[in-house]
């Protein structure tokens, strides 16, 4: 018996010793990999810095308007703040065991997408057109992106580059609300890279970079097609592929901190002025119109939602008021630089009412859209894009077109085609990306990790030390 015990002890000690050796080898391996990456980055960065210096030439700066430049710098800062604001907005609506995981998904988008945009994303979106589908590689690593303005512009090309970067950072972060509380973080990072590369960049080129949607006359002032419809359609694909959260419809999953959500919403609302008014790309009459329309669209969306909610449920809620405001902002985004203030109120009211219906009765469709990305961003973007085809007028923006209300069917038809194409491209493209991601690393956390919460299982942290 004693001999057997000694043998078992020796085996246990040997196992512990082997585990220590394996951990030591793993640490050495990680150090070597990290060192190799560091040296590779240093070497390639040094070569790249030398090679690209001559591309960032000053050029002719006489066309730079300092007032427009100052306005666009402020607008860029406001759009940048929208991504961490979204993190707070979403973070307050999940359960407290998932708040850091939700915040992290939005926050990391700022880092990853910024680098992608620098390396090749901007070039794919705004490079010279290839078959009306994608940009070429003229702007890779900011090659040919100097301080002089593009033709017809009054701001430095580099400022336009970073302004558009902030749109690219925000858009995939919007999708995270659909799969909140159940997506593996490492899989999310892969999904983020693939989605920005193969969905966002081509779609941005189609609409803003000289692609086929702009050629048929489709218009989108600040992101109805590129940002909201794309994220909403992608959200639907994510809901289908990942399935519902554990306990969905069987247990209550109320927001853990609506105060946090409110703070996030107010930063989003403020940032939206940079998002919409900044899309005029100058400090002028058009930016003022977009600014006013943004405020009126948000306000009317808020009032429409709480009005319908009061009639339906008897009590207007704070979450409902915030959702209505967001719906109004989404709805007015594609139209804000093309419609009159009266039209913006109509768009806000219609969008707020439609989004209320979709989010309230989403259970009929049997998908778990955790934070209503489909119901608000997708639905609001579709409504706003189509309503742009009705209410747009060249009296507001000569570079736009007259909509159905002003006697032209051409723009309305173009908006329908553009909307349907954007939905189909983002939805089926996202399904393919999710299938690839699933094969490589899987999509969902394990059942135990989901019950434990993403904060602990994915990041090893707690958002709160005190119980609230």
Protein backbone atom coordinates (compact mmCIF):
# COMPACT_ATOMS: atom_id res chain seq x y z
CA UNK A 1 0.00 0.00 0.00
CA UNK A 2 2.87 2.33 0.95
CA UNK A 3 4.73 1.49 -2.25
CA UNK A 4 1.60 2.24 -4.33
CA UNK A 5 1.19 5.58 -2.56
CA UNK A 6 4.81 6.49 -3.24
CA UNK A 7 4.39 5.54 -6.92
CA UNK A 8 1.29 7.74 -7.21
CA UNK A 9 3.13 10.60 -5.52
CA UNK A 10 6.06 10.24 -7.93
CA UNK A 11 3.66 10.26 -10.88
CA UNK A 12 1.95 13.39 -9.53
CA UNK A 13 5.30 15.13 -8.97
CA UNK A 14 6.44 14.12 -12.45
CA UNK A 15 3.22 15.50 -13.90
CA UNK A 16 3.66 18.80 -12.07
CA UNK A 17 7.28 18.99 -13.23
CA UNK A 18 6.25 18.34 -16.86
CA UNK A 19 3.54 20.98 -16.63
CA UNK A 20 6.06 23.52 -15.34
CA UNK A 21 8.43 22.67 -18.19
CA UNK A 22 5.60 22.97 -20.73
CA UNK A 23 4.62 26.38 -19.31
CA UNK A 24 8.24 27.50 -19.43
CA UNK A 25 8.54 26.40 -23.06
CA UNK A 26 5.28 28.20 -23.87
CA UNK A 27 6.55 31.40 -22.22
CA UNK A 28 9.80 31.18 -24.20
CA UNK A 29 7.83 30.61 -27.39
CA UNK A 30 5.63 33.64 -26.70
CA UNK A 31 8.68 35.80 -25.99
CA UNK A 32 10.32 34.70 -29.24
CA UNK A 33 7.13 35.35 -31.24
CA UNK A 34 6.69 38.76 -29.61
CA UNK A 35 10.34 39.64 -30.26
CA UNK A 36 10.05 38.56 -33.91
CA UNK A 37 6.92 40.67 -34.38
CA UNK A 38 8.62 43.62 -32.70
CA UNK A 39 11.69 43.37 -34.92
CA UNK A 40 9.58 42.85 -38.04
CA UNK A 41 7.47 45.87 -37.17
CA UNK A 42 10.54 47.99 -36.51
CA UNK A 43 12.22 46.92 -39.75
CA UNK A 44 9.17 47.22 -42.02
CA UNK A 45 8.15 50.46 -40.33
CA UNK A 46 11.58 52.00 -40.89
CA UNK A 47 11.57 51.01 -44.56
CA UNK A 48 7.97 52.20 -44.95
CA UNK A 49 8.75 55.53 -43.32
CA UNK A 50 11.58 56.16 -45.76
CA UNK A 51 9.64 54.94 -48.79
CA UNK A 52 6.50 56.98 -48.07
CA UNK A 53 8.10 60.28 -47.05
CA UNK A 54 8.12 61.52 -50.63
CA UNK A 55 4.41 60.70 -51.03
CA UNK A 56 3.30 62.97 -48.18
CA UNK A 57 4.32 66.08 -50.06
CA UNK A 58 2.96 69.46 -49.15
CA UNK A 59 1.83 70.17 -52.69
CA UNK A 60 -0.12 73.35 -53.43
CA UNK A 61 -1.65 74.46 -50.14
CA UNK A 62 -3.20 77.63 -51.50
CA UNK A 63 -6.60 75.91 -51.83
CA UNK A 64 -6.74 74.99 -48.13
CA UNK A 65 -9.46 76.93 -46.31
CA UNK A 66 -8.50 77.26 -42.64
CA UNK A 67 -12.10 77.74 -41.50
CA UNK A 68 -13.26 74.59 -43.27
CA UNK A 69 -10.24 72.73 -41.96
CA UNK A 70 -10.93 73.76 -38.35
CA UNK A 71 -14.58 72.75 -38.73
CA UNK A 72 -13.65 69.35 -40.12
CA UNK A 73 -11.09 68.68 -37.39
CA UNK A 74 -13.82 69.28 -34.80
CA UNK A 75 -16.26 67.12 -36.77
CA UNK A 76 -13.70 64.31 -36.93
CA UNK A 77 -13.21 64.45 -33.16
CA UNK A 78 -16.98 64.29 -32.64
CA UNK A 79 -17.32 61.24 -34.90
CA UNK A 80 -14.41 59.55 -33.14
CA UNK A 81 -16.18 60.03 -29.79
CA UNK A 82 -19.22 58.20 -31.13
CA UNK A 83 -17.50 54.81 -30.91
CA UNK A 84 -16.69 54.97 -27.16
CA UNK A 85 -20.14 56.59 -26.70
CA UNK A 86 -21.63 53.52 -28.37
CA UNK A 87 -19.64 51.36 -25.96
CA UNK A 88 -21.33 53.12 -23.02
CA UNK A 89 -24.74 53.00 -24.70
CA UNK A 90 -24.51 49.26 -25.36
CA UNK A 91 -22.67 48.57 -22.09
CA UNK A 92 -25.55 49.87 -20.00
CA UNK A 93 -28.10 47.70 -21.79
CA UNK A 94 -26.45 44.32 -21.20
CA UNK A 95 -26.33 42.40 -17.94
CA UNK A 96 -23.60 43.53 -15.58
CA UNK A 97 -21.54 40.37 -16.13
CA UNK A 98 -21.09 41.38 -19.79
CA UNK A 99 -20.56 45.14 -19.63
CA UNK A 100 -16.76 45.08 -20.09
CA UNK A 101 -16.98 42.52 -22.88
CA UNK A 102 -19.46 44.75 -24.68
CA UNK A 103 -17.37 47.90 -24.16
CA UNK A 104 -14.24 46.07 -25.34
CA UNK A 105 -15.85 45.13 -28.66
CA UNK A 106 -16.49 48.76 -29.54
CA UNK A 107 -13.22 50.03 -28.10
CA UNK A 108 -11.00 47.61 -30.02
CA UNK A 109 -12.69 48.63 -33.27
CA UNK A 110 -11.01 52.03 -32.89
CA UNK A 111 -7.62 50.37 -32.85
CA UNK A 112 -7.97 47.63 -35.44
CA UNK A 113 -9.98 49.56 -38.03
CA UNK A 114 -7.70 52.61 -37.77
CA UNK A 115 -4.71 50.48 -38.76
CA UNK A 116 -6.64 48.70 -41.52
CA UNK A 117 -7.78 52.07 -42.87
CA UNK A 118 -4.16 53.26 -42.99
CA UNK A 119 -2.79 50.09 -44.57
CA UNK A 120 -5.33 49.53 -47.34
CA UNK A 121 -8.92 50.30 -46.28
CA UNK A 122 -8.98 53.92 -47.43
CA UNK A 123 -7.48 52.94 -50.75
CA UNK A 124 -10.11 50.24 -51.35
CA UNK A 125 -12.89 52.68 -50.47
CA UNK A 126 -11.67 55.88 -52.12
CA UNK A 127 -8.97 54.82 -54.56
CA UNK A 128 -9.47 55.23 -58.30
CA UNK A 129 -12.40 53.15 -59.44
CA UNK A 130 -12.03 49.58 -60.75
CA UNK A 131 -15.10 48.40 -62.68
CA UNK A 132 -17.39 50.51 -60.44
CA UNK A 133 -16.83 47.95 -57.64
CA UNK A 134 -13.70 48.77 -55.65
CA UNK A 135 -10.88 51.28 -55.37
CA UNK A 136 -7.33 50.57 -56.52
CA UNK A 137 -4.15 50.67 -54.43
CA UNK A 138 -3.12 54.26 -55.10
CA UNK A 139 -3.62 55.26 -51.46
CA UNK A 140 -2.10 52.22 -49.68
CA UNK A 141 -0.33 53.30 -46.48
CA UNK A 142 -1.32 56.90 -47.27
CA UNK A 143 0.63 56.86 -50.51
CA UNK A 144 -0.40 59.98 -52.47
CA UNK A 145 -2.47 61.21 -49.51
CA UNK A 146 -0.89 64.58 -48.91
CA UNK A 147 -1.78 67.82 -47.19
CA UNK A 148 -3.02 69.52 -50.34
CA UNK A 149 -6.78 69.28 -50.98
CA UNK A 150 -8.28 67.05 -53.63
CA UNK A 151 -9.74 68.80 -56.65
CA UNK A 152 -12.90 70.66 -55.66
CA UNK A 153 -12.15 70.37 -51.94
CA UNK A 154 -11.01 73.00 -49.45
CA UNK A 155 -9.61 70.71 -46.73
CA UNK A 156 -6.35 68.70 -46.69
CA UNK A 157 -6.63 65.25 -48.24
CA UNK A 158 -5.24 63.77 -45.01
CA UNK A 159 -8.09 65.34 -43.05
CA UNK A 160 -10.66 63.72 -45.34
CA UNK A 161 -8.76 60.45 -44.85
CA UNK A 162 -9.06 60.53 -41.07
CA UNK A 163 -12.65 61.83 -41.10
CA UNK A 164 -13.69 58.80 -43.13
CA UNK A 165 -11.61 56.58 -40.85
CA UNK A 166 -13.94 57.40 -37.96
CA UNK A 167 -16.96 56.24 -39.97
CA UNK A 168 -15.18 52.97 -40.68
CA UNK A 169 -14.41 52.49 -36.96
CA UNK A 170 -18.00 53.09 -35.87
CA UNK A 171 -19.84 50.91 -38.37
CA UNK A 172 -18.68 47.41 -37.31
CA UNK A 173 -19.01 48.45 -33.66
CA UNK A 174 -22.74 48.98 -34.30
CA UNK A 175 -23.09 45.30 -35.26
CA UNK A 176 -21.87 44.13 -31.84
CA UNK A 177 -25.21 44.98 -30.25
CA UNK A 178 -26.83 42.13 -32.17
CA UNK A 179 -24.56 39.39 -30.79
CA UNK A 180 -23.93 40.94 -27.35
CA UNK A 181 -23.23 38.52 -24.49
CA UNK A 182 -22.26 35.47 -26.59
CA UNK A 183 -19.47 36.11 -29.17
CA UNK A 184 -15.89 34.88 -28.60
CA UNK A 185 -13.57 37.85 -28.42
CA UNK A 186 -10.78 36.32 -30.53
CA UNK A 187 -13.36 35.37 -33.17
CA UNK A 188 -14.75 38.88 -33.06
CA UNK A 189 -11.32 40.29 -33.89
CA UNK A 190 -11.08 38.07 -36.99
CA UNK A 191 -14.65 38.95 -37.95
CA UNK A 192 -13.84 42.65 -37.56
CA UNK A 193 -10.88 42.51 -39.95
CA UNK A 194 -12.77 40.51 -42.58
CA UNK A 195 -15.96 42.58 -42.37
CA UNK A 196 -14.26 45.95 -42.73
CA UNK A 197 -12.15 44.65 -45.62
CA UNK A 198 -14.79 42.83 -47.65
CA UNK A 199 -18.06 44.57 -46.73
CA UNK A 200 -17.48 48.12 -45.52
CA UNK A 201 -14.76 49.19 -47.96
CA UNK A 202 -16.53 48.00 -51.13
CA UNK A 203 -19.86 49.46 -50.01
CA UNK A 204 -18.24 52.81 -49.15
CA UNK A 205 -16.71 52.82 -52.61
CA UNK A 206 -20.05 52.06 -54.28
CA UNK A 207 -21.70 55.03 -52.57
CA UNK A 208 -18.98 57.64 -51.89
CA UNK A 209 -15.95 56.52 -53.86
CA UNK A 210 -17.33 56.69 -57.40
CA UNK A 211 -18.78 53.17 -57.55
CA UNK A 212 -21.92 51.92 -59.24
CA UNK A 213 -24.47 53.21 -56.71
CA UNK A 214 -23.29 56.78 -57.20
CA UNK A 215 -23.35 56.18 -60.96
CA UNK A 216 -27.05 55.20 -60.98
CA UNK A 217 -27.90 58.27 -58.89
CA UNK A 218 -28.22 56.76 -55.42
CA UNK A 219 -27.44 59.28 -52.67
CA UNK A 220 -26.46 58.93 -49.03
CA UNK A 221 -25.35 62.12 -47.32
CA UNK A 222 -23.83 60.68 -44.13
CA UNK A 223 -24.20 56.91 -43.92
CA UNK A 224 -27.74 55.54 -44.25
CA UNK A 225 -26.58 52.91 -46.75
CA UNK A 226 -22.93 52.56 -45.82
CA UNK A 227 -23.26 52.63 -42.03
CA UNK A 228 -26.76 51.82 -40.81
CA UNK A 229 -28.22 49.53 -43.45
CA UNK A 230 -24.91 47.66 -43.71
CA UNK A 231 -24.67 47.16 -39.94
CA UNK A 232 -28.36 46.23 -39.67
CA UNK A 233 -28.18 43.61 -42.43
CA UNK A 234 -24.95 42.23 -40.95
CA UNK A 235 -26.65 42.10 -37.54
CA UNK A 236 -29.42 39.90 -38.95
CA UNK A 237 -26.83 37.50 -40.36
CA UNK A 238 -25.10 37.38 -36.95
CA UNK A 239 -28.36 36.65 -35.14
CA UNK A 240 -29.10 33.77 -37.50
CA UNK A 241 -25.62 32.25 -37.28
CA UNK A 242 -25.08 32.60 -33.53
CA UNK A 243 -28.58 31.80 -32.30
CA UNK A 244 -30.24 33.17 -29.20
CA UNK A 245 -28.66 33.80 -25.82
CA UNK A 246 -29.03 31.08 -23.24
CA UNK A 247 -32.32 31.67 -21.42
CA UNK A 248 -33.71 34.02 -24.09
CA UNK A 249 -37.50 34.36 -23.65
CA UNK A 250 -37.30 32.11 -20.57
CA UNK A 251 -35.73 34.57 -18.16
CA UNK A 252 -35.72 38.35 -17.93
CA UNK A 253 -32.63 40.12 -19.24
CA UNK A 254 -33.18 43.79 -18.32
CA UNK A 255 -30.53 46.49 -18.88
CA UNK A 256 -28.27 46.64 -15.84
CA UNK A 257 -27.59 50.41 -15.92
CA UNK A 258 -29.82 52.75 -17.94
CA UNK A 259 -27.93 55.74 -16.55
CA UNK A 260 -24.82 54.51 -18.37
CA UNK A 261 -26.91 54.04 -21.50
CA UNK A 262 -28.24 57.59 -21.22
CA UNK A 263 -24.72 59.02 -20.93
CA UNK A 264 -23.72 57.04 -24.02
CA UNK A 265 -26.76 58.24 -25.96
CA UNK A 266 -26.12 61.91 -25.20
CA UNK A 267 -22.52 61.60 -26.40
CA UNK A 268 -23.84 59.86 -29.51
CA UNK A 269 -26.33 62.67 -30.12
CA UNK A 270 -23.61 65.32 -29.80
CA UNK A 271 -21.23 63.29 -31.95
CA UNK A 272 -23.92 62.92 -34.60
CA UNK A 273 -23.61 66.61 -35.44
CA UNK A 274 -20.04 65.92 -36.55
CA UNK A 275 -21.26 62.80 -38.33
CA UNK A 276 -23.95 64.61 -40.35
CA UNK A 277 -22.94 68.27 -40.53
CA UNK A 278 -19.32 67.26 -41.08
CA UNK A 279 -20.34 65.25 -44.14
CA UNK A 280 -20.79 68.57 -45.93
CA UNK A 281 -16.96 68.68 -45.80
CA UNK A 282 -16.97 72.43 -45.28
CA UNK A 283 -18.27 75.05 -42.87
CA UNK A 284 -21.07 76.55 -44.91
CA UNK A 285 -24.79 76.71 -45.50
CA UNK A 286 -25.10 72.99 -46.27
CA UNK A 287 -23.47 72.01 -42.97
CA UNK A 288 -25.90 74.31 -41.15
CA UNK A 289 -28.86 72.66 -42.87
CA UNK A 290 -27.56 69.19 -41.99
CA UNK A 291 -27.00 70.33 -38.39
CA UNK A 292 -30.59 71.61 -38.03
CA UNK A 293 -32.08 68.56 -39.72
CA UNK A 294 -30.12 66.27 -37.41
CA UNK A 295 -31.56 67.93 -34.31
CA UNK A 296 -35.12 67.96 -35.66
CA UNK A 297 -34.93 64.35 -36.82
CA UNK A 298 -33.72 63.19 -33.41
CA UNK A 299 -36.30 65.25 -31.52
CA UNK A 300 -39.23 64.09 -33.66
CA UNK A 301 -38.08 60.46 -33.43
CA UNK A 302 -38.00 60.77 -29.63
CA UNK A 303 -41.53 62.21 -29.49
CA UNK A 304 -42.93 59.70 -31.98
CA UNK A 305 -41.57 56.72 -30.03
CA UNK A 306 -42.82 57.78 -26.61
CA UNK A 307 -46.17 58.76 -28.13
CA UNK A 308 -46.70 55.33 -29.69
CA UNK A 309 -45.35 53.66 -26.55
CA UNK A 310 -47.81 55.58 -24.39
CA UNK A 311 -50.72 54.53 -26.60
CA UNK A 312 -49.52 50.92 -26.68
CA UNK A 313 -48.31 50.34 -23.11
CA UNK A 314 -49.71 53.25 -21.15
CA UNK A 315 -46.28 54.40 -19.91
CA UNK A 316 -43.47 56.10 -21.83
CA UNK A 317 -40.12 54.68 -20.76
CA UNK A 318 -36.66 56.23 -20.61
CA UNK A 319 -35.26 53.36 -22.70
CA UNK A 320 -38.02 54.01 -25.22
CA UNK A 321 -37.22 57.72 -25.38
CA UNK A 322 -33.56 56.94 -25.97
CA UNK A 323 -34.43 54.35 -28.63
CA UNK A 324 -36.70 56.85 -30.40
CA UNK A 325 -33.98 59.49 -30.40
CA UNK A 326 -31.54 57.01 -31.90
CA UNK A 327 -34.11 55.94 -34.51
CA UNK A 328 -34.67 59.57 -35.52
CA UNK A 329 -30.92 60.14 -35.83
CA UNK A 330 -30.52 57.05 -37.98
CA UNK A 331 -33.47 57.97 -40.20
CA UNK A 332 -32.31 61.51 -40.92
CA UNK A 333 -28.66 60.53 -41.58
CA UNK A 334 -28.94 59.75 -45.32
CA UNK A 335 -31.29 62.69 -45.90
CA UNK A 336 -29.91 65.49 -43.72
CA UNK A 337 -28.07 67.26 -46.52
CA UNK A 338 -30.84 66.90 -49.08
CA UNK A 339 -34.15 67.77 -47.37
CA UNK A 340 -35.89 70.74 -45.74
CA UNK A 341 -36.33 71.04 -41.94
CA UNK A 342 -40.06 70.23 -42.28
CA UNK A 343 -39.18 67.03 -44.13
CA UNK A 344 -36.68 66.10 -41.42
CA UNK A 345 -39.46 66.19 -38.83
CA UNK A 346 -41.64 63.95 -41.00
CA UNK A 347 -38.73 61.53 -41.51
CA UNK A 348 -38.04 61.46 -37.75
CA UNK A 349 -41.68 60.73 -36.91
CA UNK A 350 -42.07 57.98 -39.51
CA UNK A 351 -38.76 56.35 -38.57
CA UNK A 352 -39.51 56.49 -34.84
CA UNK A 353 -42.91 54.83 -35.31
CA UNK A 354 -41.65 52.12 -37.67
CA UNK A 355 -38.67 51.27 -35.44
CA UNK A 356 -40.96 51.03 -32.41
CA UNK A 357 -43.12 48.48 -34.19
CA UNK A 358 -40.15 46.40 -35.37
CA UNK A 359 -38.44 46.30 -31.97
CA UNK A 360 -41.65 45.67 -30.02
CA UNK A 361 -42.76 42.74 -32.14
CA UNK A 362 -39.34 41.31 -33.05
CA UNK A 363 -40.26 38.11 -31.20
CA UNK A 364 -42.44 37.18 -34.18
CA UNK A 365 -39.27 36.79 -36.27
CA UNK A 366 -37.65 34.44 -33.70
CA UNK A 367 -34.19 35.99 -33.69
CA UNK A 368 -32.34 37.35 -30.68
CA UNK A 369 -31.21 40.84 -31.61
CA UNK A 370 -29.85 41.62 -28.15
CA UNK A 371 -29.73 45.42 -28.39
CA UNK A 372 -32.05 46.05 -31.37
CA UNK A 373 -29.49 46.76 -34.06
CA UNK A 374 -31.82 45.36 -36.72
CA UNK A 375 -34.88 47.13 -35.36
CA UNK A 376 -33.26 50.56 -35.08
CA UNK A 377 -30.17 50.82 -37.29
CA UNK A 378 -31.28 48.45 -40.02
CA UNK A 379 -34.93 49.50 -40.10
CA UNK A 380 -34.16 53.18 -39.53
CA UNK A 381 -31.53 53.16 -42.26
CA UNK A 382 -33.92 51.56 -44.75
CA UNK A 383 -36.69 54.03 -43.89
CA UNK A 384 -34.33 57.00 -44.12
CA UNK A 385 -32.86 55.90 -47.43
CA UNK A 386 -36.27 55.42 -49.06
CA UNK A 387 -37.66 58.64 -47.58
CA UNK A 388 -34.66 60.48 -49.00
CA UNK A 389 -35.94 59.39 -52.40
CA UNK A 390 -39.24 61.07 -51.57
CA UNK A 391 -38.27 64.32 -49.81
CA UNK A 392 -34.88 65.27 -51.36
CA UNK A 393 -34.78 68.54 -53.26
CA UNK A 394 -32.12 70.40 -55.25
CA UNK A 395 -33.29 73.59 -53.53
CA UNK A 396 -31.36 72.38 -50.47
CA UNK A 397 -28.47 70.71 -52.26
CA UNK A 398 -27.90 71.35 -55.99
CA UNK A 399 -25.56 68.35 -56.09
CA UNK A 400 -28.41 66.07 -54.98
CA UNK A 401 -31.62 65.39 -56.88
CA UNK A 402 -35.34 65.96 -56.66
CA UNK A 403 -37.33 63.21 -54.99
CA UNK A 404 -40.79 61.84 -55.58
CA UNK A 405 -42.46 64.74 -53.77
CA UNK A 406 -40.88 67.15 -56.24
CA UNK A 407 -42.02 65.28 -59.31
CA UNK A 408 -39.07 62.98 -60.05
CA UNK A 409 -39.23 59.19 -59.97
CA UNK A 410 -35.58 58.67 -60.90
CA UNK A 411 -34.12 59.28 -57.45
CA UNK A 412 -36.79 57.20 -55.73
CA UNK A 413 -36.03 54.24 -58.00
CA UNK A 414 -32.30 54.68 -57.43
CA UNK A 415 -32.83 54.68 -53.65
CA UNK A 416 -34.89 51.48 -53.80
CA UNK A 417 -32.22 49.72 -55.88
CA UNK A 418 -29.39 51.03 -53.68
CA UNK A 419 -31.17 50.00 -50.49
CA UNK A 420 -31.94 46.46 -51.68
CA UNK A 421 -28.42 46.00 -53.03
CA UNK A 422 -26.83 47.19 -49.78
CA UNK A 423 -29.01 44.85 -47.72
CA UNK A 424 -28.25 41.84 -49.90
CA UNK A 425 -24.51 42.52 -50.12
CA UNK A 426 -24.06 43.10 -46.38
CA UNK A 427 -26.30 40.20 -45.35
CA UNK A 428 -24.91 37.46 -47.59
CA UNK A 429 -21.36 38.75 -47.34
CA UNK A 430 -21.58 38.67 -43.55
CA UNK A 431 -22.98 35.13 -43.61
CA UNK A 432 -19.94 34.03 -45.60
CA UNK A 433 -17.54 35.80 -43.25
CA UNK A 434 -19.22 34.21 -40.23
CA UNK A 435 -18.92 30.75 -41.82
CA UNK A 436 -15.20 31.31 -42.38
CA UNK A 437 -14.74 32.61 -38.84
CA UNK A 438 -16.66 29.66 -37.42
CA UNK A 439 -14.41 27.20 -39.24
CA UNK A 440 -11.27 28.89 -37.97
CA UNK A 441 -12.06 29.64 -34.33
CA UNK A 442 -15.77 29.11 -33.64
CA UNK A 443 -18.28 31.89 -33.00
CA UNK A 444 -19.89 31.41 -29.61
CA UNK A 445 -18.40 31.10 -26.17
CA UNK A 446 -19.16 27.86 -24.34
CA UNK A 447 -22.34 27.51 -22.32
CA UNK A 448 -20.37 27.77 -19.10
CA UNK A 449 -18.53 30.90 -20.30
CA UNK A 450 -21.82 32.48 -21.30
CA UNK A 451 -23.31 31.80 -17.86
CA UNK A 452 -20.12 33.10 -16.26
CA UNK A 453 -20.25 36.27 -18.37
CA UNK A 454 -17.90 37.66 -21.00
CA UNK A 455 -16.16 39.99 -18.54
CA UNK A 456 -14.61 37.09 -16.64
CA UNK A 457 -14.47 34.42 -19.36
CA UNK A 458 -13.00 36.61 -22.11
CA UNK A 459 -11.13 39.35 -20.24
CA UNK A 460 -10.60 38.18 -16.65
CA UNK A 461 -12.12 41.34 -15.16
CA UNK A 462 -15.16 42.58 -13.27
CA UNK A 463 -16.81 45.89 -14.13
CA UNK A 464 -18.04 46.42 -10.58
CA UNK A 465 -16.51 45.49 -7.25
CA UNK A 466 -19.66 46.46 -5.41
CA UNK A 467 -22.95 44.71 -6.08
CA UNK A 468 -25.45 46.99 -7.77
